Protein backbone atom coordinates (compact mmCIF):
# COMPACT_ATOMS: atom_id res chain seq x y z
CA MET A 1 0.00 0.00 0.00
CA THR A 2 1.06 3.62 -0.55
CA LEU A 3 2.39 5.22 2.61
CA ARG A 4 -0.34 7.16 4.36
CA ILE A 5 0.68 10.21 6.43
CA LEU A 6 -1.78 11.86 8.77
CA GLY A 7 -0.91 15.42 9.73
CA LYS A 8 -0.69 18.95 8.40
CA ALA A 9 2.18 20.27 6.31
CA SER A 10 2.70 23.29 8.59
CA SER A 11 3.62 21.05 11.56
CA ILE A 12 7.36 20.88 12.20
CA ASN A 13 7.08 17.22 13.18
CA VAL A 14 5.05 16.31 10.11
CA ARG A 15 7.63 18.08 7.96
CA LYS A 16 10.34 15.83 9.40
CA VAL A 17 8.51 12.90 7.84
CA LEU A 18 7.75 14.69 4.56
CA TRP A 19 11.37 15.73 4.14
CA THR A 20 12.56 12.21 4.94
CA CYS A 21 10.20 10.85 2.28
CA ALA A 22 11.63 13.36 -0.19
CA GLU A 23 15.18 12.19 0.56
CA ILE A 24 14.17 8.55 0.06
CA GLY A 25 12.02 9.26 -3.00
CA LEU A 26 9.08 7.63 -1.28
CA PRO A 27 5.55 8.29 -2.56
CA TYR A 28 2.83 8.98 0.00
CA THR A 29 -0.61 10.43 0.51
CA LEU A 30 -0.96 13.25 3.04
CA GLU A 31 -4.25 13.53 4.91
CA ALA A 32 -4.66 16.84 6.74
CA TYR A 33 -5.18 16.28 10.47
CA GLY A 34 -4.60 18.70 13.32
CA SER A 35 -5.68 22.19 14.30
CA GLY A 36 -7.77 23.70 11.48
CA TYR A 37 -8.18 20.34 9.74
CA GLU A 38 -9.56 16.94 10.67
CA PRO A 39 -9.67 16.55 14.47
CA THR A 40 -7.23 14.35 16.35
CA ASP A 41 -9.41 13.81 19.42
CA THR A 42 -11.91 11.44 17.82
CA ALA A 43 -12.14 7.78 18.77
CA ALA A 44 -10.97 6.82 15.28
CA PHE A 45 -7.81 8.92 15.46
CA LEU A 46 -7.05 8.02 19.06
CA ALA A 47 -7.17 4.37 18.05
CA LEU A 48 -4.20 5.17 15.78
CA ASN A 49 -2.33 7.40 18.27
CA PRO A 50 -3.64 7.58 21.85
CA ASN A 51 -1.74 10.85 22.32
CA GLY A 52 -3.92 12.59 19.76
CA LEU A 53 -0.89 14.08 17.99
CA VAL A 54 0.48 14.17 14.45
CA PRO A 55 2.22 12.74 12.53
CA VAL A 56 0.89 9.23 12.25
CA ILE A 57 1.81 6.93 9.38
CA GLU A 58 0.29 3.73 8.08
CA ASP A 59 1.88 1.33 5.62
CA SER A 60 1.69 -2.38 4.89
CA GLU A 61 3.40 -3.07 8.23
CA GLY A 62 0.84 -1.14 10.28
CA VAL A 63 0.54 2.16 12.14
CA LEU A 64 3.37 4.17 13.69
CA TRP A 65 3.63 7.48 15.55
CA GLU A 66 6.38 9.76 16.98
CA SER A 67 8.16 11.74 14.26
CA ASN A 68 11.76 10.69 14.96
CA THR A 69 10.74 7.05 15.23
CA ILE A 70 8.89 7.31 11.92
CA CYS A 71 11.94 8.85 10.21
CA ARG A 72 14.22 6.14 11.59
CA TYR A 73 11.80 3.44 10.50
CA LEU A 74 11.45 4.77 6.95
CA ALA A 75 15.21 5.17 6.48
CA SER A 76 15.90 1.67 7.82
CA ARG A 77 13.08 0.00 5.94
CA HIS A 78 14.26 1.44 2.65
CA GLY A 79 17.92 0.62 3.24
CA ARG A 80 19.12 4.20 3.51
CA ASP A 81 22.29 3.73 5.52
CA ASP A 82 23.39 7.16 4.37
CA LEU A 83 20.53 8.74 6.30
CA LEU A 84 20.75 6.42 9.31
CA PRO A 85 23.75 4.08 9.47
CA SER A 86 23.15 0.48 10.50
CA ALA A 87 26.49 0.17 12.33
CA PRO A 88 25.96 0.90 16.06
CA ARG A 89 28.50 3.69 16.59
CA PRO A 90 27.76 5.79 13.46
CA ARG A 91 24.03 5.30 14.09
CA ALA A 92 24.37 6.51 17.67
CA LEU A 93 26.16 9.65 16.48
CA VAL A 94 23.14 10.48 14.31
CA GLU A 95 20.53 9.52 16.88
CA ARG A 96 22.26 11.55 19.59
CA TRP A 97 21.48 14.76 17.70
CA MET A 98 17.98 13.65 16.76
CA ASP A 99 17.23 13.05 20.43
CA TRP A 100 18.88 16.34 21.44
CA GLN A 101 16.60 18.20 19.03
CA ALA A 102 13.52 16.52 20.46
CA THR A 103 14.43 17.10 24.10
CA GLU A 104 16.94 19.85 24.92
CA LEU A 105 16.35 22.12 21.93
CA ASN A 106 12.56 21.78 21.77
CA THR A 107 12.14 22.66 25.44
CA ALA A 108 14.33 25.75 24.93
CA TRP A 109 12.23 27.34 22.18
CA ARG A 110 8.75 26.62 23.46
CA THR A 111 8.10 29.85 25.39
CA PRO A 112 9.48 32.39 22.89
CA PHE A 113 7.92 30.57 19.94
CA MET A 114 4.50 30.36 21.56
CA ALA A 115 4.70 34.02 22.61
CA LEU A 116 6.22 35.63 19.53
CA VAL A 117 4.87 33.45 16.70
CA ARG A 118 1.70 31.85 18.01
CA ARG A 119 0.81 34.92 20.14
CA ASP A 120 -0.47 32.65 22.91
CA SER A 121 -1.48 34.76 25.92
CA ALA A 122 -0.45 31.96 28.28
CA TYR A 123 3.20 32.68 27.33
CA ALA A 124 3.13 36.49 27.55
CA ASP A 125 5.36 37.01 30.59
CA PRO A 126 8.28 39.23 29.42
CA ALA A 127 10.82 37.73 31.83
CA SER A 128 9.95 34.20 30.74
CA ILE A 129 10.19 35.19 27.08
CA ALA A 130 13.60 36.80 27.60
CA ALA A 131 14.87 33.77 29.51
CA GLY A 132 13.54 31.50 26.79
CA ILE A 133 15.30 33.48 24.06
CA ASP A 134 18.58 33.31 25.98
CA ARG A 135 18.19 29.56 26.44
CA TRP A 136 17.26 29.02 22.80
CA ASN A 137 20.26 30.99 21.57
CA ALA A 138 22.50 29.06 23.95
CA MET A 139 21.26 25.77 22.52
CA MET A 140 21.86 27.01 18.99
CA ALA A 141 25.40 27.93 20.02
CA ILE A 142 25.94 24.23 20.78
CA LEU A 143 24.72 23.36 17.29
CA ASP A 144 26.94 26.04 15.76
CA GLY A 145 29.93 24.59 17.59
CA GLN A 146 29.17 21.11 16.31
CA LEU A 147 28.82 22.32 12.74
CA ALA A 148 32.05 24.28 13.02
CA ALA A 149 33.76 21.09 14.19
CA THR A 150 32.42 18.91 11.36
CA GLY A 151 32.69 21.59 8.69
CA ALA A 152 29.74 20.01 6.91
CA TYR A 153 26.70 18.39 8.51
CA VAL A 154 25.47 17.76 12.03
CA ALA A 155 26.75 14.22 12.52
CA GLY A 156 29.81 14.51 10.30
CA GLU A 157 30.84 14.77 6.66
CA HIS A 158 27.56 13.54 5.18
CA PHE A 159 23.89 14.55 5.37
CA THR A 160 21.81 12.35 7.71
CA LEU A 161 18.49 12.32 9.54
CA ALA A 162 20.10 14.53 12.19
CA ASP A 163 20.09 17.35 9.64
CA VAL A 164 16.37 16.91 8.97
CA GLY A 165 15.06 17.67 12.44
CA LEU A 166 17.73 20.26 13.19
CA GLY A 167 17.34 21.92 9.80
CA LEU A 168 13.67 22.46 10.58
CA SER A 169 14.55 23.75 14.05
CA ALA A 170 17.11 26.16 12.59
CA ASN A 171 14.49 27.50 10.21
CA ARG A 172 12.13 28.07 13.14
CA TRP A 173 14.90 29.89 15.04
CA LEU A 174 15.69 32.10 12.04
CA GLU A 175 12.04 32.94 11.36
CA THR A 176 11.04 33.82 14.93
CA PRO A 177 11.06 37.63 15.44
CA MET A 178 13.67 37.97 18.18
CA ALA A 179 17.30 38.95 18.71
CA ARG A 180 19.78 36.22 17.84
CA PRO A 181 23.57 36.04 17.51
CA ASP A 182 25.30 35.53 14.19
CA TYR A 183 26.34 31.90 14.06
CA PRO A 184 28.45 31.48 10.91
CA ALA A 185 28.56 27.68 10.94
CA ILE A 186 24.76 27.49 11.10
CA ALA A 187 24.45 30.04 8.27
CA ALA A 188 26.82 28.06 6.05
CA TRP A 189 25.03 24.79 6.86
CA VAL A 190 21.61 26.26 5.99
CA GLU A 191 23.05 27.28 2.63
CA ARG A 192 24.21 23.67 2.11
CA LEU A 193 20.72 22.43 2.98
CA MET A 194 19.18 24.78 0.42
CA VAL A 195 20.50 22.64 -2.44
CA ARG A 196 18.26 19.79 -1.25
CA PRO A 197 14.75 19.84 -2.79
CA GLY A 198 13.30 18.29 0.38
CA PHE A 199 14.53 21.19 2.49
CA ARG A 200 13.37 23.81 0.01
CA GLU A 201 9.89 22.26 -0.09
CA HIS A 202 9.37 21.14 3.51
CA GLY A 203 12.03 22.90 5.54
CA ARG A 204 11.30 26.43 4.42
CA ASN A 205 7.70 26.13 3.31
CA GLY A 206 6.32 29.24 4.96
CA THR A 207 5.05 28.41 8.43
CA PRO A 208 7.98 28.10 10.85
């Protein structure tokens, strides 16, 4: 069966999956679920993902959720060792940065993003916003240092799944209206990503 993706193209986590599919050359159908589209709190959707979140995929093997897990699964299933190595040590070096994006970096940007982009009144405290911006910039300094060390991509010389999630996060950081340092290694890396059709279509597709 054709891969079925449930989610909306403006979601950063859905775009991880869409960009991964573009790198693999994998056809899919996208069904719009989430805020403003089909609801995710129905019994039918919750039977697919009890968390009520996107993305969710379904293929001939069944249903899967959690964006990083989906990306790992698709790369492994289609034999893309370049995106996610099968050898334990090289794979761990990629997964380390995927997990860092989902935990350390995501928690850093939540308050300023919700306040400055989503305009959510629950995140309007100026001190919390300022602290969040400082924390976000500090996390991006870690990424800049890693990219300066590799001189190429997040996990080393070659593009991997680590660049997918972090490329999307970098785009969000660049598009959020706030003060940010100049990080030359990040700027050069984003330019390298721009040659990839998947990044141009899904990484910089309007909504940060």
